[in-house]
Amino acid sequence: MTEVVAELGINHNGSIETAKKMIDVAAAAGCDFVKLQKRDISLVYTKAELDSPRESPWGKTFREQKRGLEFDEDVYDELDEYCNAKDIGWFASPWDVNSLDFIARYDSCEFIKIPSPLLTNEELLNACLEVDKPVILSSGMSNLHMIDNAVSILGRDKIYCIMHCTSTYPSKPEELNLSCITGFKEKYGWTKIGFSNHNPGIIFMPIAVALGAEMVEFHLTLDRASYGSDQAASIESEGVFRLVKHIHNTEKAIGDGVKRIYESELPIMKKLRR
């Protein structure tokens, strides 16, 4: 069965209540996991970046915006319990070593996902070796040499899945390059291959499953018109239910490749065959 991941990302806009509503949607639709992101903004961004002007619901600087989007330990504790109560798994993408240490403390966090911008960050990759959790690699803005280098650092046994991804928000259909999924399966067939979607349509994820993706991730939003840079590349609640249904119907339709006469065909065969 394809594992379906609803990425909460920063679409919760720093609201635990919004995050819980997003988890409700993901759980009710039949997703397997929700995914969060965690940053120590003092490590991820320079002081000049943080001090730069940026109008947002939280203030007038880039620092205030980024701080407003981050969840602290008390919120993670509550969301951890909430996911357990809703019987849905969760994991997170750390954007720095401090954040890796932070999320690794949660037993319920099933994976560490390396976000595409950090696939080449050897400090973070090496730090993952000290954490007793499998790793998912996202491969946006990367070539095969960069992916191979990350694999060589982590080792095959550490990697749970390699996700094909295009890091544009939203991604154009002509840049999704879904054929990479079959190429990844040939090259990295020793692990799961997945697809991380950044297009607001749902059609491309069932196609990815038909091409062999074993994990599919998408950005979830309650309202694409909400504040935030990821909203336009996200799937709204109603679409999530349709998406999960289409993914599982695609799995059924793929079948086993053995050509046979189905029992349901027999009456038609008897009537029409000459």
C-alpha atoms as a PDB file:
ATOM      1  CA  MET A   1       0.000   0.000   0.000  1.00  0.00           C
ATOM      2  CA  THR A   2       1.192   3.491  -0.862  1.00  0.00           C
ATOM      3  CA  GLU A   3       1.964   5.563   2.224  1.00  0.00           C
ATOM      4  CA  VAL A   4       0.198   8.927   2.013  1.00  0.00           C
ATOM      5  CA  VAL A   5       1.721  11.913   3.815  1.00  0.00           C
ATOM      6  CA  ALA A   6      -0.085  15.209   4.419  1.00  0.00           C
ATOM      7  CA  GLU A   7       2.527  17.943   4.858  1.00  0.00           C
ATOM      8  CA  LEU A   8       1.346  20.576   7.346  1.00  0.00           C
ATOM      9  CA  GLY A   9       4.544  22.557   6.799  1.00  0.00           C
ATOM     10  CA  ILE A  10       3.918  26.183   7.660  1.00  0.00           C
ATOM     11  CA  ASN A  11       0.332  26.261   6.375  1.00  0.00           C
ATOM     12  CA  HIS A  12      -0.891  26.209   9.977  1.00  0.00           C
ATOM     13  CA  ASN A  13       0.472  29.779  10.282  1.00  0.00           C
ATOM     14  CA  GLY A  14       1.609  29.168  13.835  1.00  0.00           C
ATOM     15  CA  SER A  15      -1.854  28.185  15.096  1.00  0.00           C
ATOM     16  CA  ILE A  16      -2.181  24.936  17.029  1.00  0.00           C
ATOM     17  CA  GLU A  17      -5.930  24.945  16.431  1.00  0.00           C
ATOM     18  CA  THR A  18      -5.386  25.178  12.672  1.00  0.00           C
ATOM     19  CA  ALA A  19      -2.806  22.388  12.888  1.00  0.00           C
ATOM     20  CA  LYS A  20      -5.300  20.191  14.732  1.00  0.00           C
ATOM     21  CA  LYS A  21      -7.970  20.835  12.096  1.00  0.00           C
ATOM     22  CA  MET A  22      -5.462  19.852   9.412  1.00  0.00           C
ATOM     23  CA  ILE A  23      -4.663  16.660  11.315  1.00  0.00           C
ATOM     24  CA  ASP A  24      -8.407  15.966  11.542  1.00  0.00           C
ATOM     25  CA  VAL A  25      -8.705  16.212   7.753  1.00  0.00           C
ATOM     26  CA  ALA A  26      -5.678  14.009   7.117  1.00  0.00           C
ATOM     27  CA  ALA A  27      -6.842  11.338   9.562  1.00  0.00           C
ATOM     28  CA  ALA A  28     -10.442  11.326   8.314  1.00  0.00           C
ATOM     29  CA  ALA A  29      -9.307  11.078   4.686  1.00  0.00           C
ATOM     30  CA  GLY A  30      -7.146   8.056   5.443  1.00  0.00           C
ATOM     31  CA  CYS A  31      -3.646   9.535   5.255  1.00  0.00           C
ATOM     32  CA  ASP A  32      -0.942   7.543   6.990  1.00  0.00           C
ATOM     33  CA  PHE A  33       1.136  10.450   8.294  1.00  0.00           C
ATOM     34  CA  VAL A  34       1.208  14.182   8.781  1.00  0.00           C
ATOM     35  CA  LYS A  35       4.516  15.998   8.523  1.00  0.00           C
ATOM     36  CA  LEU A  36       5.798  19.053  10.362  1.00  0.00           C
ATOM     37  CA  GLN A  37       8.836  21.284   9.911  1.00  0.00           C
ATOM     38  CA  LYS A  38      11.138  22.545  12.640  1.00  0.00           C
ATOM     39  CA  ARG A  39      13.700  25.372  12.485  1.00  0.00           C
ATOM     40  CA  ASP A  40      16.009  27.087  14.919  1.00  0.00           C
ATOM     41  CA  ILE A  41      15.733  30.400  13.097  1.00  0.00           C
ATOM     42  CA  SER A  42      18.947  31.693  14.651  1.00  0.00           C
ATOM     43  CA  LEU A  43      20.822  28.883  12.872  1.00  0.00           C
ATOM     44  CA  VAL A  44      18.898  28.734   9.611  1.00  0.00           C
ATOM     45  CA  TYR A  45      18.973  32.472   8.870  1.00  0.00           C
ATOM     46  CA  THR A  46      21.604  35.178   9.271  1.00  0.00           C
ATOM     47  CA  LYS A  47      21.079  38.129  11.594  1.00  0.00           C
ATOM     48  CA  ALA A  48      20.877  40.399   8.546  1.00  0.00           C
ATOM     49  CA  GLU A  49      18.099  38.240   7.089  1.00  0.00           C
ATOM     50  CA  LEU A  50      16.218  38.146  10.378  1.00  0.00           C
ATOM     51  CA  ASP A  51      16.486  41.906  10.839  1.00  0.00           C
ATOM     52  CA  SER A  52      15.311  42.669   7.287  1.00  0.00           C
ATOM     53  CA  PRO A  53      11.856  44.210   6.806  1.00  0.00           C
ATOM     54  CA  ARG A  54       8.970  41.823   6.094  1.00  0.00           C
ATOM     55  CA  GLU A  55       5.314  42.670   6.627  1.00  0.00           C
ATOM     56  CA  SER A  56       3.373  39.732   8.092  1.00  0.00           C
ATOM     57  CA  PRO A  57       0.582  38.990  10.568  1.00  0.00           C
ATOM     58  CA  TRP A  58       3.263  38.813  13.299  1.00  0.00           C
ATOM     59  CA  GLY A  59       5.099  42.082  12.723  1.00  0.00           C
ATOM     60  CA  LYS A  60       7.320  44.012  10.377  1.00  0.00           C
ATOM     61  CA  THR A  61      10.538  41.982  10.283  1.00  0.00           C
ATOM     62  CA  PHE A  62      11.579  38.663   8.790  1.00  0.00           C
ATOM     63  CA  ARG A  63      12.453  37.515  12.338  1.00  0.00           C
ATOM     64  CA  GLU A  64       8.915  38.149  13.583  1.00  0.00           C
ATOM     65  CA  GLN A  65       7.433  36.279  10.652  1.00  0.00           C
ATOM     66  CA  LYS A  66       9.662  33.230  11.057  1.00  0.00           C
ATOM     67  CA  ARG A  67       9.241  33.170  14.812  1.00  0.00           C
ATOM     68  CA  GLY A  68       5.461  33.353  14.422  1.00  0.00           C
ATOM     69  CA  LEU A  69       5.468  30.227  12.252  1.00  0.00           C
ATOM     70  CA  GLU A  70       7.456  28.056  14.669  1.00  0.00           C
ATOM     71  CA  PHE A  71       5.963  25.651  17.195  1.00  0.00           C
ATOM     72  CA  ASP A  72       7.727  25.245  20.546  1.00  0.00           C
ATOM     73  CA  GLU A  73       7.993  22.174  22.748  1.00  0.00           C
ATOM     74  CA  ASP A  74       4.637  22.585  24.472  1.00  0.00           C
ATOM     75  CA  VAL A  75       2.846  22.686  21.106  1.00  0.00           C
ATOM     76  CA  TYR A  76       4.781  19.672  19.799  1.00  0.00           C
ATOM     77  CA  ASP A  77       3.879  17.778  22.970  1.00  0.00           C
ATOM     78  CA  GLU A  78       0.217  18.527  22.398  1.00  0.00           C
ATOM     79  CA  LEU A  79       0.313  17.685  18.672  1.00  0.00           C
ATOM     80  CA  ASP A  80       2.157  14.449  19.441  1.00  0.00           C
ATOM     81  CA  GLU A  81      -0.650  13.426  21.787  1.00  0.00           C
ATOM     82  CA  TYR A  82      -3.273  14.612  19.308  1.00  0.00           C
ATOM     83  CA  CYS A  83      -1.845  12.495  16.476  1.00  0.00           C
ATOM     84  CA  ASN A  84      -1.763   9.471  18.776  1.00  0.00           C
ATOM     85  CA  ALA A  85      -5.397  10.064  19.712  1.00  0.00           C
ATOM     86  CA  LYS A  86      -6.359  10.370  16.037  1.00  0.00           C
ATOM     87  CA  ASP A  87      -4.387   7.195  15.197  1.00  0.00           C
ATOM     88  CA  ILE A  88      -2.250   8.885  12.560  1.00  0.00           C
ATOM     89  CA  GLY A  89       1.531   8.836  12.406  1.00  0.00           C
ATOM     90  CA  TRP A  90       3.716  11.916  12.211  1.00  0.00           C
ATOM     91  CA  PHE A  91       7.263  12.914  11.405  1.00  0.00           C
ATOM     92  CA  ALA A  92       9.154  16.115  10.740  1.00  0.00           C
ATOM     93  CA  SER A  93      11.817  17.845   8.673  1.00  0.00           C
ATOM     94  CA  PRO A  94      14.569  19.481  10.728  1.00  0.00           C
ATOM     95  CA  TRP A  95      16.321  22.425   9.080  1.00  0.00           C
ATOM     96  CA  ASP A  96      19.315  22.392  11.436  1.00  0.00           C
ATOM     97  CA  VAL A  97      21.076  20.155  13.951  1.00  0.00           C
ATOM     98  CA  ASN A  98      19.331  21.701  16.973  1.00  0.00           C
ATOM     99  CA  SER A  99      15.955  20.974  15.394  1.00  0.00           C
ATOM    100  CA  LEU A 100      17.032  17.417  14.612  1.00  0.00           C
ATOM    101  CA  ASP A 101      17.860  16.881  18.285  1.00  0.00           C
ATOM    102  CA  PHE A 102      14.523  18.455  19.221  1.00  0.00           C
ATOM    103  CA  ILE A 103      12.275  16.215  17.113  1.00  0.00           C
ATOM    104  CA  ALA A 104      14.361  13.077  17.722  1.00  0.00           C
ATOM    105  CA  ARG A 105      13.230  13.163  21.362  1.00  0.00           C
ATOM    106  CA  TYR A 106       9.709  12.152  20.327  1.00  0.00           C
ATOM    107  CA  ASP A 107       9.269   8.395  20.193  1.00  0.00           C
ATOM    108  CA  SER A 108       6.177   8.790  18.020  1.00  0.00           C
ATOM    109  CA  CYS A 109       8.129  10.692  15.354  1.00  0.00           C
ATOM    110  CA  GLU A 110       8.697   7.819  12.936  1.00  0.00           C
ATOM    111  CA  PHE A 111      11.156   9.350  10.470  1.00  0.00           C
ATOM    112  CA  ILE A 112      13.572  12.185   9.959  1.00  0.00           C
ATOM    113  CA  LYS A 113      12.952  13.805   6.587  1.00  0.00           C
ATOM    114  CA  ILE A 114      15.800  15.755   5.060  1.00  0.00           C
ATOM    115  CA  PRO A 115      14.213  18.681   3.188  1.00  0.00           C
ATOM    116  CA  SER A 116      15.380  19.311  -0.367  1.00  0.00           C
ATOM    117  CA  PRO A 117      17.421  22.457   0.421  1.00  0.00           C
ATOM    118  CA  LEU A 118      19.490  20.472   2.934  1.00  0.00           C
ATOM    119  CA  LEU A 119      20.208  17.345   0.889  1.00  0.00           C
ATOM    120  CA  THR A 120      23.783  18.605   0.484  1.00  0.00           C
ATOM    121  CA  ASN A 121      24.202  19.715   4.114  1.00  0.00           C
ATOM    122  CA  GLU A 122      26.745  17.170   5.321  1.00  0.00           C
ATOM    123  CA  GLU A 123      26.638  18.412   8.911  1.00  0.00           C
ATOM    124  CA  LEU A 124      22.932  17.590   9.159  1.00  0.00           C
ATOM    125  CA  LEU A 125      23.318  14.280   7.306  1.00  0.00           C
ATOM    126  CA  ASN A 126      26.106  13.161   9.624  1.00  0.00           C
ATOM    127  CA  ALA A 127      24.077  14.217  12.668  1.00  0.00           C
ATOM    128  CA  CYS A 128      21.268  11.916  11.476  1.00  0.00           C
ATOM    129  CA  LEU A 129      23.641   8.977  11.988  1.00  0.00           C
ATOM    130  CA  GLU A 130      23.502   9.687  15.727  1.00  0.00           C
ATOM    131  CA  VAL A 131      19.691   9.499  15.761  1.00  0.00           C
ATOM    132  CA  ASP A 132      17.896   6.159  16.005  1.00  0.00           C
ATOM    133  CA  LYS A 133      15.333   6.915  13.324  1.00  0.00           C
ATOM    134  CA  PRO A 134      15.211   6.082   9.600  1.00  0.00           C
ATOM    135  CA  VAL A 135      15.676   8.921   7.120  1.00  0.00           C
ATOM    136  CA  ILE A 136      13.614  10.068   4.144  1.00  0.00           C
ATOM    137  CA  LEU A 137      15.508  12.081   1.529  1.00  0.00           C
ATOM    138  CA  SER A 138      13.760  14.736  -0.541  1.00  0.00           C
ATOM    139  CA  SER A 139      15.559  15.378  -3.822  1.00  0.00           C
ATOM    140  CA  GLY A 140      14.256  18.720  -5.089  1.00  0.00           C
ATOM    141  CA  MET A 141      16.841  21.088  -6.603  1.00  0.00           C
ATOM    142  CA  SER A 142      19.301  18.163  -6.728  1.00  0.00           C
ATOM    143  CA  ASN A 143      20.986  15.967  -9.328  1.00  0.00           C
ATOM    144  CA  LEU A 144      22.009  12.308  -9.083  1.00  0.00           C
ATOM    145  CA  HIS A 145      25.524  13.166  -7.919  1.00  0.00           C
ATOM    146  CA  MET A 146      24.095  15.109  -4.948  1.00  0.00           C
ATOM    147  CA  ILE A 147      21.695  12.291  -4.086  1.00  0.00           C
ATOM    148  CA  ASP A 148      24.475   9.709  -4.320  1.00  0.00           C
ATOM    149  CA  ASN A 149      26.626  11.769  -1.964  1.00  0.00           C
ATOM    150  CA  ALA A 150      23.820  11.918   0.616  1.00  0.00           C
ATOM    151  CA  VAL A 151      23.321   8.154   0.275  1.00  0.00           C
ATOM    152  CA  SER A 152      27.051   7.533   0.765  1.00  0.00           C
ATOM    153  CA  ILE A 153      27.027   9.570   3.989  1.00  0.00           C
ATOM    154  CA  LEU A 154      23.911   8.002   5.463  1.00  0.00           C
ATOM    155  CA  GLY A 155      24.376   4.450   4.177  1.00  0.00           C
ATOM    156  CA  ARG A 156      21.669   2.332   2.617  1.00  0.00           C
ATOM    157  CA  ASP A 157      20.438   0.848   5.893  1.00  0.00           C
ATOM    158  CA  LYS A 158      19.628   4.305   7.265  1.00  0.00           C
ATOM    159  CA  ILE A 159      17.417   5.376   4.357  1.00  0.00           C
ATOM    160  CA  TYR A 160      13.692   4.578   4.398  1.00  0.00           C
ATOM    161  CA  CYS A 161      12.683   6.345   1.184  1.00  0.00           C
ATOM    162  CA  ILE A 162      14.042   8.657  -1.525  1.00  0.00           C
ATOM    163  CA  MET A 163      11.451  11.152  -2.740  1.00  0.00           C
ATOM    164  CA  HIS A 164      11.458  12.561  -6.251  1.00  0.00           C
ATOM    165  CA  CYS A 165      10.582  16.246  -5.981  1.00  0.00           C
ATOM    166  CA  THR A 166      10.600  19.533  -7.867  1.00  0.00           C
ATOM    167  CA  SER A 167      11.103  22.491  -5.524  1.00  0.00           C
ATOM    168  CA  THR A 168       8.873  25.119  -7.077  1.00  0.00           C
ATOM    169  CA  TYR A 169       5.642  26.316  -5.434  1.00  0.00           C
ATOM    170  CA  PRO A 170       3.520  25.545  -7.346  1.00  0.00           C
ATOM    171  CA  SER A 171       5.345  23.232  -9.734  1.00  0.00           C
ATOM    172  CA  LYS A 172       4.510  23.415 -13.434  1.00  0.00           C
ATOM    173  CA  PRO A 173       3.339  20.101 -14.937  1.00  0.00           C
ATOM    174  CA  GLU A 174       6.186  20.213 -17.468  1.00  0.00           C
ATOM    175  CA  GLU A 175       8.710  20.379 -14.611  1.00  0.00           C
ATOM    176  CA  LEU A 176       7.342  17.515 -12.505  1.00  0.00           C
ATOM    177  CA  ASN A 177       9.355  14.971 -14.525  1.00  0.00           C
ATOM    178  CA  LEU A 178       7.522  11.994 -13.051  1.00  0.00           C
ATOM    179  CA  SER A 179       9.590   9.602 -15.168  1.00  0.00           C
ATOM    180  CA  CYS A 180      12.328  10.128 -12.585  1.00  0.00           C
ATOM    181  CA  ILE A 181      10.331   7.777 -10.349  1.00  0.00           C
ATOM    182  CA  THR A 182      11.012   4.837 -12.654  1.00  0.00           C
ATOM    183  CA  GLY A 183      14.646   5.922 -12.984  1.00  0.00           C
ATOM    184  CA  PHE A 184      14.984   6.120  -9.201  1.00  0.00           C
ATOM    185  CA  LYS A 185      13.473   2.640  -8.842  1.00  0.00           C
ATOM    186  CA  GLU A 186      16.104   1.257 -11.190  1.00  0.00           C
ATOM    187  CA  LYS A 187      19.005   3.085  -9.521  1.00  0.00           C
ATOM    188  CA  TYR A 188      17.902   2.980  -5.885  1.00  0.00           C
ATOM    189  CA  GLY A 189      15.811  -0.186  -5.932  1.00  0.00           C
ATOM    190  CA  TRP A 190      17.166  -1.203  -2.533  1.00  0.00           C
ATOM    191  CA  THR A 191      14.857   1.347  -0.832  1.00  0.00           C
ATOM    192  CA  LYS A 192      11.393   2.815  -1.222  1.00  0.00           C
ATOM    193  CA  ILE A 193      10.894   5.498  -3.855  1.00  0.00           C
ATOM    194  CA  GLY A 194       8.318   8.234  -3.389  1.00  0.00           C
ATOM    195  CA  PHE A 195       7.024  11.482  -4.820  1.00  0.00           C
ATOM    196  CA  SER A 196       6.720  14.818  -3.024  1.00  0.00           C
ATOM    197  CA  ASN A 197       4.110  16.944  -4.800  1.00  0.00           C
ATOM    198  CA  HIS A 198       4.068  20.742  -5.055  1.00  0.00           C
ATOM    199  CA  ASN A 199       1.259  21.111  -7.593  1.00  0.00           C
ATOM    200  CA  PRO A 200      -2.263  22.086  -6.473  1.00  0.00           C
ATOM    201  CA  GLY A 201      -3.846  19.379  -8.654  1.00  0.00           C
ATOM    202  CA  ILE A 202      -4.360  15.817  -7.470  1.00  0.00           C
ATOM    203  CA  ILE A 203      -3.948  13.989 -10.799  1.00  0.00           C
ATOM    204  CA  PHE A 204      -0.157  13.768 -10.689  1.00  0.00           C
ATOM    205  CA  MET A 205      -0.005  11.758  -7.457  1.00  0.00           C
ATOM    206  CA  PRO A 206      -2.060   8.781  -8.730  1.00  0.00           C
ATOM    207  CA  ILE A 207       0.150   8.897 -11.833  1.00  0.00           C
ATOM    208  CA  ALA A 208       3.191   8.745  -9.554  1.00  0.00           C
ATOM    209  CA  VAL A 209       1.703   5.670  -7.877  1.00  0.00           C
ATOM    210  CA  ALA A 210       1.137   4.055 -11.280  1.00  0.00           C
ATOM    211  CA  LEU A 211       4.832   4.693 -12.019  1.00  0.00           C
ATOM    212  CA  GLY A 212       5.829   2.925  -8.822  1.00  0.00           C
ATOM    213  CA  ALA A 213       5.870   5.539  -6.038  1.00  0.00           C
ATOM    214  CA  GLU A 214       5.471   3.848  -2.667  1.00  0.00           C
ATOM    215  CA  MET A 215       5.105   7.068  -0.666  1.00  0.00           C
ATOM    216  CA  VAL A 216       3.284  10.208  -1.786  1.00  0.00           C
ATOM    217  CA  GLU A 217       3.481  13.529   0.023  1.00  0.00           C
ATOM    218  CA  PHE A 218       1.483  16.697  -0.572  1.00  0.00           C
ATOM    219  CA  HIS A 219       0.970  20.024   1.178  1.00  0.00           C
ATOM    220  CA  LEU A 220      -2.384  20.260   2.952  1.00  0.00           C
ATOM    221  CA  THR A 221      -4.257  23.509   3.487  1.00  0.00           C
ATOM    222  CA  LEU A 222      -7.659  24.403   4.867  1.00  0.00           C
ATOM    223  CA  ASP A 223      -7.856  27.364   2.469  1.00  0.00           C
ATOM    224  CA  ARG A 224      -5.539  28.075  -0.465  1.00  0.00           C
ATOM    225  CA  ALA A 225      -6.340  31.784  -0.105  1.00  0.00           C
ATOM    226  CA  SER A 226      -4.793  31.867   3.371  1.00  0.00           C
ATOM    227  CA  TYR A 227      -1.587  33.764   4.153  1.00  0.00           C
ATOM    228  CA  GLY A 228       1.603  31.902   3.301  1.00  0.00           C
ATOM    229  CA  SER A 229       4.028  31.029   0.517  1.00  0.00           C
ATOM    230  CA  ASP A 230       3.053  27.342   0.344  1.00  0.00           C
ATOM    231  CA  GLN A 231      -0.733  27.741   0.189  1.00  0.00           C
ATOM    232  CA  ALA A 232      -0.918  28.018  -3.610  1.00  0.00           C
ATOM    233  CA  ALA A 233       0.889  24.690  -4.009  1.00  0.00           C
ATOM    234  CA  SER A 234      -1.367  22.880  -1.528  1.00  0.00           C
ATOM    235  CA  ILE A 235      -4.441  20.641  -1.615  1.00  0.00           C
ATOM    236  CA  GLU A 236      -7.619  21.715   0.181  1.00  0.00           C
ATOM    237  CA  SER A 237      -9.644  19.417   2.432  1.00  0.00           C
ATOM    238  CA  GLU A 238     -12.149  18.131  -0.135  1.00  0.00           C
ATOM    239  CA  GLY A 239      -9.337  17.357  -2.550  1.00  0.00           C
ATOM    240  CA  VAL A 240      -7.528  15.298   0.102  1.00  0.00           C
ATOM    241  CA  PHE A 241     -10.441  12.864   0.361  1.00  0.00           C
ATOM    242  CA  ARG A 242     -10.586  12.501  -3.417  1.00  0.00           C
ATOM    243  CA  LEU A 243      -6.824  12.116  -3.609  1.00  0.00           C
ATOM    244  CA  VAL A 244      -6.607   9.250  -1.128  1.00  0.00           C
ATOM    245  CA  LYS A 245      -9.496   7.493  -2.887  1.00  0.00           C
ATOM    246  CA  HIS A 246      -7.821   7.903  -6.292  1.00  0.00           C
ATOM    247  CA  ILE A 247      -4.498   6.620  -4.961  1.00  0.00           C
ATOM    248  CA  HIS A 248      -6.051   3.450  -3.597  1.00  0.00           C
ATOM    249  CA  ASN A 249      -8.146   2.919  -6.734  1.00  0.00           C
ATOM    250  CA  THR A 250      -4.956   3.324  -8.769  1.00  0.00           C
ATOM    251  CA  GLU A 251      -3.301   0.604  -6.678  1.00  0.00           C
ATOM    252  CA  LYS A 252      -6.248  -1.700  -7.392  1.00  0.00           C
ATOM    253  CA  ALA A 253      -6.214  -0.881 -11.095  1.00  0.00           C
ATOM    254  CA  ILE A 254      -2.496  -1.635 -11.492  1.00  0.00           C
ATOM    255  CA  GLY A 255      -3.156  -5.278 -10.659  1.00  0.00           C
ATOM    256  CA  ASP A 256      -0.561  -8.030 -10.851  1.00  0.00           C
ATOM    257  CA  GLY A 257       0.118  -8.011 -14.601  1.00  0.00           C
ATOM    258  CA  VAL A 258      -1.151 -11.573 -15.128  1.00  0.00           C
ATOM    259  CA  LYS A 259      -3.528 -11.650 -18.079  1.00  0.00           C
ATOM    260  CA  ARG A 260      -6.601 -13.662 -17.160  1.00  0.00           C
ATOM    261  CA  ILE A 261     -10.305 -14.004 -17.901  1.00  0.00           C
ATOM    262  CA  TYR A 262     -12.274 -12.601 -14.973  1.00  0.00           C
ATOM    263  CA  GLU A 263     -15.378 -14.408 -13.812  1.00  0.00           C
ATOM    264  CA  SER A 264     -17.326 -11.196 -14.396  1.00  0.00           C
ATOM    265  CA  GLU A 265     -16.340 -11.409 -18.082  1.00  0.00           C
ATOM    266  CA  LEU A 266     -17.788 -14.878 -18.611  1.00  0.00           C
ATOM    267  CA  PRO A 267     -21.409 -13.863 -19.282  1.00  0.00           C
ATOM    268  CA  ILE A 268     -20.205 -11.210 -21.753  1.00  0.00           C
ATOM    269  CA  MET A 269     -17.857 -13.695 -23.393  1.00  0.00           C
ATOM    270  CA  LYS A 270     -20.661 -16.227 -23.733  1.00  0.00           C
ATOM    271  CA  LYS A 271     -22.936 -13.633 -25.303  1.00  0.00           C
ATOM    272  CA  LEU A 272     -20.509 -11.902 -27.671  1.00  0.00           C
ATOM    273  CA  ARG A 273     -17.722 -14.325 -28.602  1.00  0.00           C
ATOM    274  CA  ARG A 274     -18.072 -15.822 -32.093  1.00  0.00           C
END
